[in-house]
Amino acid sequence: MKFRRKPRENIEINLASLLDVVFILLLFFVVTTTFTRESALKVELPEADSAEAVQENQPKALEVTISADGSYALNGQALVKSDLATLTNALQQESAGDNSLPLVISADARTPHQAVITAMDAAGKLGFSRLRISTVEAAPAKP
């Protein structure tokens, strides 16, 4: 007995729906991605001849950056206002009440002296005793 064979169907994978899913995923990732903007202040540190290098094994330190116009940033995050109360609140929140953390003040060489004193005053009110002012090593004098 001879059986008839059915003609084989060509099996094709429809890629149109797969492409739709890929484009929807791509759109989802593009929409949900957050782009961070670096909001660091541009600071030119003053020079000092008696500079010491910072040791790398120190615990977490707080860094107050003061720009040339007197605006503050704490650990790279710019503060909304440049006054004593805002800086004090930001230091209190960032340190979580731990005033044994080292505090580094990095002020631009052209920063008004009052802005540096305000930062030191905020640190003193919160009881920070490990205060350091950041500088860069002075360039050698040319004869």
N, C-alpha and C. Protein backbone atom coordinates (compact mmCIF):
# COMPACT_ATOMS: atom_id res chain seq x y z
N MET A 1 0.83 -1.15 0.00
CA MET A 1 0.00 0.00 0.00
C MET A 1 0.89 1.23 0.00
N LYS A 2 0.56 2.09 -0.86
CA LYS A 2 1.35 3.30 -1.00
C LYS A 2 0.58 4.49 -0.42
N PHE A 3 1.23 5.11 0.61
CA PHE A 3 0.58 6.27 1.23
C PHE A 3 1.05 7.54 0.53
N ARG A 4 0.14 8.42 0.45
CA ARG A 4 0.49 9.71 -0.13
C ARG A 4 1.13 10.59 0.94
N ARG A 5 2.18 11.20 0.57
CA ARG A 5 2.81 12.14 1.51
C ARG A 5 2.18 13.50 1.34
N LYS A 6 1.99 14.11 2.48
CA LYS A 6 1.47 15.47 2.44
C LYS A 6 2.63 16.39 2.08
N PRO A 7 2.38 17.37 1.30
CA PRO A 7 3.46 18.31 0.99
C PRO A 7 3.88 19.06 2.27
N ARG A 8 5.16 19.18 2.46
CA ARG A 8 5.67 19.86 3.66
C ARG A 8 5.42 21.35 3.56
N GLU A 9 5.02 21.89 4.69
CA GLU A 9 4.83 23.33 4.74
C GLU A 9 6.17 23.97 5.11
N ASN A 10 6.46 25.07 4.48
CA ASN A 10 7.66 25.82 4.84
C ASN A 10 7.39 26.54 6.16
N ILE A 11 8.21 26.22 7.13
CA ILE A 11 8.04 26.84 8.44
C ILE A 11 8.86 28.13 8.45
N GLU A 12 8.20 29.23 8.72
CA GLU A 12 8.85 30.54 8.79
C GLU A 12 8.56 31.16 10.15
N ILE A 13 9.54 31.81 10.64
CA ILE A 13 9.36 32.53 11.90
C ILE A 13 9.09 33.99 11.55
N ASN A 14 7.99 34.47 12.03
CA ASN A 14 7.61 35.84 11.76
C ASN A 14 8.37 36.76 12.72
N LEU A 15 9.32 37.54 12.21
CA LEU A 15 10.15 38.40 13.04
C LEU A 15 9.52 39.77 13.29
N ALA A 16 8.42 40.07 12.67
CA ALA A 16 7.80 41.38 12.84
C ALA A 16 7.39 41.61 14.30
N SER A 17 6.78 40.62 14.92
CA SER A 17 6.36 40.80 16.31
C SER A 17 7.58 40.86 17.24
N LEU A 18 8.63 40.11 16.92
CA LEU A 18 9.85 40.16 17.73
C LEU A 18 10.49 41.56 17.65
N LEU A 19 10.49 42.14 16.46
CA LEU A 19 11.03 43.49 16.31
C LEU A 19 10.18 44.50 17.08
N ASP A 20 8.87 44.31 17.08
CA ASP A 20 8.00 45.21 17.85
C ASP A 20 8.35 45.17 19.34
N VAL A 21 8.57 43.98 19.85
CA VAL A 21 8.91 43.82 21.27
C VAL A 21 10.26 44.48 21.56
N VAL A 22 11.23 44.30 20.68
CA VAL A 22 12.55 44.89 20.88
C VAL A 22 12.46 46.41 20.88
N PHE A 23 11.71 46.99 19.97
CA PHE A 23 11.57 48.44 19.93
C PHE A 23 10.82 48.97 21.14
N ILE A 24 9.84 48.24 21.62
CA ILE A 24 9.13 48.68 22.82
C ILE A 24 10.06 48.64 24.03
N LEU A 25 10.90 47.60 24.14
CA LEU A 25 11.87 47.54 25.23
C LEU A 25 12.89 48.68 25.13
N LEU A 26 13.34 48.96 23.92
CA LEU A 26 14.27 50.06 23.72
C LEU A 26 13.64 51.38 24.14
N LEU A 27 12.40 51.60 23.74
CA LEU A 27 11.69 52.82 24.13
C LEU A 27 11.53 52.89 25.65
N PHE A 28 11.22 51.78 26.28
CA PHE A 28 11.07 51.74 27.73
C PHE A 28 12.38 52.14 28.42
N PHE A 29 13.50 51.57 27.96
CA PHE A 29 14.78 51.88 28.60
C PHE A 29 15.20 53.32 28.36
N VAL A 30 14.90 53.86 27.22
CA VAL A 30 15.25 55.26 26.94
C VAL A 30 14.44 56.19 27.82
N VAL A 31 13.17 55.90 28.00
CA VAL A 31 12.30 56.77 28.79
C VAL A 31 12.64 56.67 30.28
N THR A 32 12.98 55.50 30.77
CA THR A 32 13.21 55.34 32.20
C THR A 32 14.63 55.63 32.63
N THR A 33 15.54 55.85 31.70
CA THR A 33 16.92 56.13 32.06
C THR A 33 17.03 57.54 32.62
N THR A 34 17.77 57.68 33.70
CA THR A 34 18.02 59.00 34.26
C THR A 34 19.46 59.39 33.95
N PHE A 35 19.62 60.59 33.53
CA PHE A 35 20.95 61.11 33.21
C PHE A 35 21.34 62.05 34.33
N THR A 36 22.51 61.79 34.91
CA THR A 36 22.97 62.66 36.00
C THR A 36 23.81 63.78 35.43
N ARG A 37 23.53 64.95 35.94
CA ARG A 37 24.33 66.11 35.56
C ARG A 37 25.30 66.37 36.69
N GLU A 38 26.54 66.53 36.32
CA GLU A 38 27.53 66.84 37.33
C GLU A 38 27.34 68.29 37.73
N SER A 39 27.10 68.49 39.00
CA SER A 39 26.86 69.85 39.50
C SER A 39 27.99 70.31 40.40
N ALA A 40 29.17 69.86 40.09
CA ALA A 40 30.32 70.23 40.91
C ALA A 40 30.72 71.68 40.63
N LEU A 41 31.19 72.33 41.65
CA LEU A 41 31.67 73.69 41.50
C LEU A 41 33.09 73.65 40.97
N LYS A 42 33.41 74.61 40.14
CA LYS A 42 34.77 74.73 39.63
C LYS A 42 35.58 75.54 40.64
N VAL A 43 36.63 74.92 41.18
CA VAL A 43 37.39 75.55 42.26
C VAL A 43 38.87 75.50 41.92
N GLU A 44 39.53 76.64 42.05
CA GLU A 44 40.98 76.71 41.95
C GLU A 44 41.50 76.86 43.38
N LEU A 45 42.13 75.82 43.90
CA LEU A 45 42.58 75.85 45.29
C LEU A 45 43.78 76.78 45.46
N PRO A 46 43.89 77.42 46.61
CA PRO A 46 45.07 78.26 46.87
C PRO A 46 46.30 77.38 47.06
N GLU A 47 47.47 77.98 46.91
CA GLU A 47 48.72 77.26 47.02
C GLU A 47 49.29 77.40 48.43
N ALA A 48 50.03 76.36 48.86
CA ALA A 48 50.70 76.39 50.16
C ALA A 48 52.00 75.62 50.04
N ASP A 49 53.06 76.14 50.66
CA ASP A 49 54.36 75.46 50.62
C ASP A 49 54.43 74.29 51.60
N SER A 50 53.72 74.37 52.69
CA SER A 50 53.81 73.34 53.72
C SER A 50 52.64 72.36 53.63
N ALA A 51 52.34 71.90 52.43
CA ALA A 51 51.21 70.99 52.23
C ALA A 51 51.58 69.57 52.59
N GLU A 52 50.62 68.84 53.16
CA GLU A 52 50.78 67.42 53.47
C GLU A 52 49.80 66.64 52.62
N ALA A 53 50.23 65.50 52.14
CA ALA A 53 49.34 64.66 51.36
C ALA A 53 48.30 64.00 52.27
N VAL A 54 47.10 63.84 51.75
CA VAL A 54 46.03 63.21 52.51
C VAL A 54 46.22 61.70 52.47
N GLN A 55 46.06 61.04 53.61
CA GLN A 55 46.21 59.59 53.65
C GLN A 55 44.94 58.96 53.09
N GLU A 56 45.13 57.87 52.33
CA GLU A 56 44.02 57.22 51.66
C GLU A 56 43.18 56.35 52.58
N ASN A 57 43.69 55.94 53.73
CA ASN A 57 42.97 55.01 54.58
C ASN A 57 42.08 55.70 55.61
N GLN A 58 41.77 56.96 55.41
CA GLN A 58 40.94 57.69 56.34
C GLN A 58 39.48 57.30 56.15
N PRO A 59 38.67 57.44 57.22
CA PRO A 59 37.25 57.14 57.07
C PRO A 59 36.56 58.18 56.18
N LYS A 60 35.30 57.97 55.93
CA LYS A 60 34.52 58.88 55.11
C LYS A 60 34.66 60.31 55.61
N ALA A 61 34.93 61.23 54.70
CA ALA A 61 35.10 62.63 55.07
C ALA A 61 34.02 63.47 54.40
N LEU A 62 33.65 64.53 55.05
CA LEU A 62 32.73 65.49 54.46
C LEU A 62 33.55 66.57 53.78
N GLU A 63 33.15 66.97 52.60
CA GLU A 63 33.90 68.02 51.89
C GLU A 63 32.96 69.16 51.54
N VAL A 64 33.27 70.33 52.08
CA VAL A 64 32.54 71.55 51.76
C VAL A 64 33.36 72.28 50.70
N THR A 65 32.77 72.47 49.53
CA THR A 65 33.43 73.17 48.44
C THR A 65 32.81 74.56 48.32
N ILE A 66 33.68 75.56 48.24
CA ILE A 66 33.21 76.94 48.13
C ILE A 66 33.75 77.51 46.83
N SER A 67 32.86 77.98 45.97
CA SER A 67 33.29 78.52 44.68
C SER A 67 33.76 79.97 44.84
N ALA A 68 34.25 80.55 43.75
CA ALA A 68 34.77 81.91 43.79
C ALA A 68 33.69 82.93 44.14
N ASP A 69 32.44 82.65 43.81
CA ASP A 69 31.37 83.59 44.13
C ASP A 69 30.75 83.35 45.51
N GLY A 70 31.26 82.36 46.25
CA GLY A 70 30.80 82.12 47.61
C GLY A 70 29.67 81.12 47.74
N SER A 71 29.34 80.37 46.67
CA SER A 71 28.30 79.36 46.78
C SER A 71 28.90 78.06 47.28
N TYR A 72 28.10 77.30 48.04
CA TYR A 72 28.57 76.10 48.72
C TYR A 72 28.09 74.83 48.01
N ALA A 73 28.90 73.77 48.17
CA ALA A 73 28.50 72.42 47.77
C ALA A 73 29.02 71.48 48.84
N LEU A 74 28.22 70.49 49.19
CA LEU A 74 28.61 69.51 50.20
C LEU A 74 28.70 68.15 49.55
N ASN A 75 29.90 67.58 49.54
CA ASN A 75 30.18 66.29 48.89
C ASN A 75 29.71 66.28 47.44
N GLY A 76 29.94 67.38 46.73
CA GLY A 76 29.62 67.46 45.31
C GLY A 76 28.20 67.91 45.00
N GLN A 77 27.34 68.04 45.99
CA GLN A 77 25.96 68.46 45.77
C GLN A 77 25.84 69.94 46.12
N ALA A 78 25.48 70.76 45.13
CA ALA A 78 25.35 72.20 45.36
C ALA A 78 24.18 72.48 46.31
N LEU A 79 24.38 73.42 47.22
CA LEU A 79 23.33 73.81 48.15
C LEU A 79 22.46 74.89 47.53
N VAL A 80 21.19 74.90 47.92
CA VAL A 80 20.24 75.83 47.33
C VAL A 80 20.58 77.27 47.69
N LYS A 81 20.86 77.50 48.96
CA LYS A 81 21.19 78.85 49.42
C LYS A 81 22.60 78.84 49.99
N SER A 82 23.23 79.98 49.95
CA SER A 82 24.60 80.11 50.48
C SER A 82 24.57 80.87 51.79
N ASP A 83 23.92 80.29 52.80
CA ASP A 83 23.89 80.93 54.10
C ASP A 83 24.23 79.90 55.19
N LEU A 84 24.41 80.41 56.39
CA LEU A 84 24.84 79.58 57.51
C LEU A 84 23.83 78.50 57.85
N ALA A 85 22.54 78.84 57.86
CA ALA A 85 21.51 77.87 58.25
C ALA A 85 21.43 76.71 57.26
N THR A 86 21.49 77.00 55.98
CA THR A 86 21.43 75.95 54.96
C THR A 86 22.64 75.04 55.05
N LEU A 87 23.82 75.62 55.22
CA LEU A 87 25.03 74.83 55.33
C LEU A 87 25.03 73.98 56.60
N THR A 88 24.56 74.54 57.71
CA THR A 88 24.48 73.80 58.96
C THR A 88 23.53 72.61 58.84
N ASN A 89 22.35 72.84 58.24
CA ASN A 89 21.38 71.76 58.06
C ASN A 89 21.94 70.66 57.16
N ALA A 90 22.61 71.06 56.08
CA ALA A 90 23.17 70.07 55.16
C ALA A 90 24.26 69.25 55.83
N LEU A 91 25.12 69.91 56.61
CA LEU A 91 26.17 69.18 57.34
C LEU A 91 25.58 68.22 58.36
N GLN A 92 24.53 68.65 59.05
CA GLN A 92 23.87 67.81 60.05
C GLN A 92 23.27 66.57 59.39
N GLN A 93 22.61 66.76 58.25
CA GLN A 93 21.98 65.62 57.57
C GLN A 93 23.02 64.67 56.98
N GLU A 94 24.06 65.22 56.37
CA GLU A 94 25.06 64.38 55.71
C GLU A 94 25.89 63.58 56.73
N SER A 95 26.16 64.20 57.87
CA SER A 95 26.97 63.50 58.87
C SER A 95 26.13 62.60 59.77
N ALA A 96 24.84 62.75 59.73
CA ALA A 96 23.91 61.98 60.58
C ALA A 96 24.29 62.13 62.06
N GLY A 97 24.73 63.31 62.43
CA GLY A 97 25.05 63.59 63.83
C GLY A 97 26.43 63.14 64.28
N ASP A 98 27.21 62.54 63.39
CA ASP A 98 28.55 62.06 63.74
C ASP A 98 29.55 63.19 63.50
N ASN A 99 29.85 63.95 64.55
CA ASN A 99 30.78 65.07 64.39
C ASN A 99 32.24 64.67 64.55
N SER A 100 32.51 63.36 64.60
CA SER A 100 33.90 62.91 64.64
C SER A 100 34.46 62.71 63.22
N LEU A 101 33.60 62.84 62.21
CA LEU A 101 34.07 62.72 60.82
C LEU A 101 34.98 63.89 60.47
N PRO A 102 36.00 63.64 59.66
CA PRO A 102 36.84 64.77 59.23
C PRO A 102 36.07 65.65 58.24
N LEU A 103 36.27 66.94 58.35
CA LEU A 103 35.61 67.91 57.48
C LEU A 103 36.68 68.67 56.70
N VAL A 104 36.58 68.62 55.38
CA VAL A 104 37.55 69.29 54.51
C VAL A 104 36.86 70.48 53.85
N ILE A 105 37.47 71.65 53.97
CA ILE A 105 36.95 72.84 53.30
C ILE A 105 37.85 73.11 52.10
N SER A 106 37.28 73.06 50.91
CA SER A 106 38.01 73.34 49.67
C SER A 106 37.44 74.63 49.09
N ALA A 107 38.13 75.72 49.32
CA ALA A 107 37.65 77.02 48.87
C ALA A 107 38.51 77.50 47.71
N ASP A 108 37.89 78.13 46.75
CA ASP A 108 38.60 78.71 45.63
C ASP A 108 39.54 79.80 46.15
N ALA A 109 40.62 80.02 45.44
CA ALA A 109 41.60 81.03 45.87
C ALA A 109 41.00 82.43 45.88
N ARG A 110 39.97 82.65 45.08
CA ARG A 110 39.33 83.97 45.00
C ARG A 110 38.05 84.06 45.83
N THR A 111 37.80 83.07 46.68
CA THR A 111 36.60 83.06 47.51
C THR A 111 36.68 84.17 48.56
N PRO A 112 35.57 84.87 48.80
CA PRO A 112 35.59 85.85 49.88
C PRO A 112 35.88 85.17 51.22
N HIS A 113 36.64 85.84 52.04
CA HIS A 113 37.04 85.29 53.33
C HIS A 113 35.81 84.97 54.19
N GLN A 114 34.77 85.76 54.06
CA GLN A 114 33.55 85.55 54.85
C GLN A 114 32.92 84.18 54.55
N ALA A 115 32.99 83.72 53.32
CA ALA A 115 32.40 82.42 52.97
C ALA A 115 33.14 81.28 53.67
N VAL A 116 34.45 81.38 53.77
CA VAL A 116 35.23 80.36 54.47
C VAL A 116 34.93 80.40 55.96
N ILE A 117 34.83 81.59 56.53
CA ILE A 117 34.52 81.74 57.96
C ILE A 117 33.12 81.20 58.25
N THR A 118 32.18 81.40 57.34
CA THR A 118 30.82 80.86 57.53
C THR A 118 30.86 79.34 57.56
N ALA A 119 31.64 78.72 56.68
CA ALA A 119 31.76 77.26 56.67
C ALA A 119 32.40 76.77 57.97
N MET A 120 33.42 77.47 58.44
CA MET A 120 34.07 77.09 59.69
C MET A 120 33.13 77.28 60.87
N ASP A 121 32.30 78.32 60.82
CA ASP A 121 31.32 78.58 61.87
C ASP A 121 30.28 77.47 61.93
N ALA A 122 29.81 77.03 60.76
CA ALA A 122 28.82 75.94 60.72
C ALA A 122 29.43 74.66 61.29
N ALA A 123 30.69 74.39 60.96
CA ALA A 123 31.36 73.20 61.49
C ALA A 123 31.53 73.31 63.00
N GLY A 124 31.88 74.49 63.48
CA GLY A 124 32.06 74.69 64.92
C GLY A 124 30.76 74.56 65.69
N LYS A 125 29.65 75.05 65.13
CA LYS A 125 28.36 74.94 65.81
C LYS A 125 27.91 73.49 65.95
N LEU A 126 28.29 72.65 64.98
CA LEU A 126 27.91 71.24 65.03
C LEU A 126 28.91 70.39 65.79
N GLY A 127 30.03 70.98 66.22
CA GLY A 127 31.00 70.26 67.04
C GLY A 127 32.05 69.50 66.27
N PHE A 128 32.25 69.81 65.00
CA PHE A 128 33.30 69.16 64.23
C PHE A 128 34.65 69.67 64.71
N SER A 129 35.54 68.74 65.06
CA SER A 129 36.85 69.15 65.56
C SER A 129 37.97 68.78 64.60
N ARG A 130 37.70 67.90 63.65
CA ARG A 130 38.72 67.49 62.68
C ARG A 130 38.49 68.28 61.39
N LEU A 131 38.98 69.50 61.38
CA LEU A 131 38.77 70.41 60.27
C LEU A 131 40.06 70.57 59.49
N ARG A 132 39.96 70.51 58.16
CA ARG A 132 41.14 70.65 57.31
C ARG A 132 40.77 71.58 56.15
N ILE A 133 41.70 72.46 55.79
CA ILE A 133 41.51 73.34 54.64
C ILE A 133 42.38 72.81 53.51
N SER A 134 41.75 72.57 52.37
CA SER A 134 42.44 71.95 51.24
C SER A 134 43.17 73.01 50.42
N THR A 135 44.41 72.69 50.05
CA THR A 135 45.21 73.57 49.19
C THR A 135 45.92 72.71 48.15
N VAL A 136 46.61 73.36 47.23
CA VAL A 136 47.48 72.65 46.29
C VAL A 136 48.91 73.07 46.58
N GLU A 137 49.84 72.20 46.20
CA GLU A 137 51.24 72.50 46.45
C GLU A 137 51.68 73.67 45.58
N ALA A 138 52.42 74.58 46.18
CA ALA A 138 52.87 75.78 45.47
C ALA A 138 53.87 75.40 44.39
N ALA A 139 53.77 76.08 43.27
CA ALA A 139 54.73 75.85 42.18
C ALA A 139 56.09 76.43 42.59
N PRO A 140 57.17 75.76 42.23
CA PRO A 140 58.50 76.28 42.60
C PRO A 140 58.74 77.64 41.96
N ALA A 141 59.38 78.52 42.72
CA ALA A 141 59.67 79.86 42.24
C ALA A 141 60.71 79.82 41.15
N LYS A 142 60.49 80.59 40.10
CA LYS A 142 61.45 80.65 38.98
C LYS A 142 62.46 81.75 39.26
N PRO A 143 63.76 81.45 39.09
CA PRO A 143 64.77 82.47 39.37
C PRO A 143 64.84 83.53 38.29
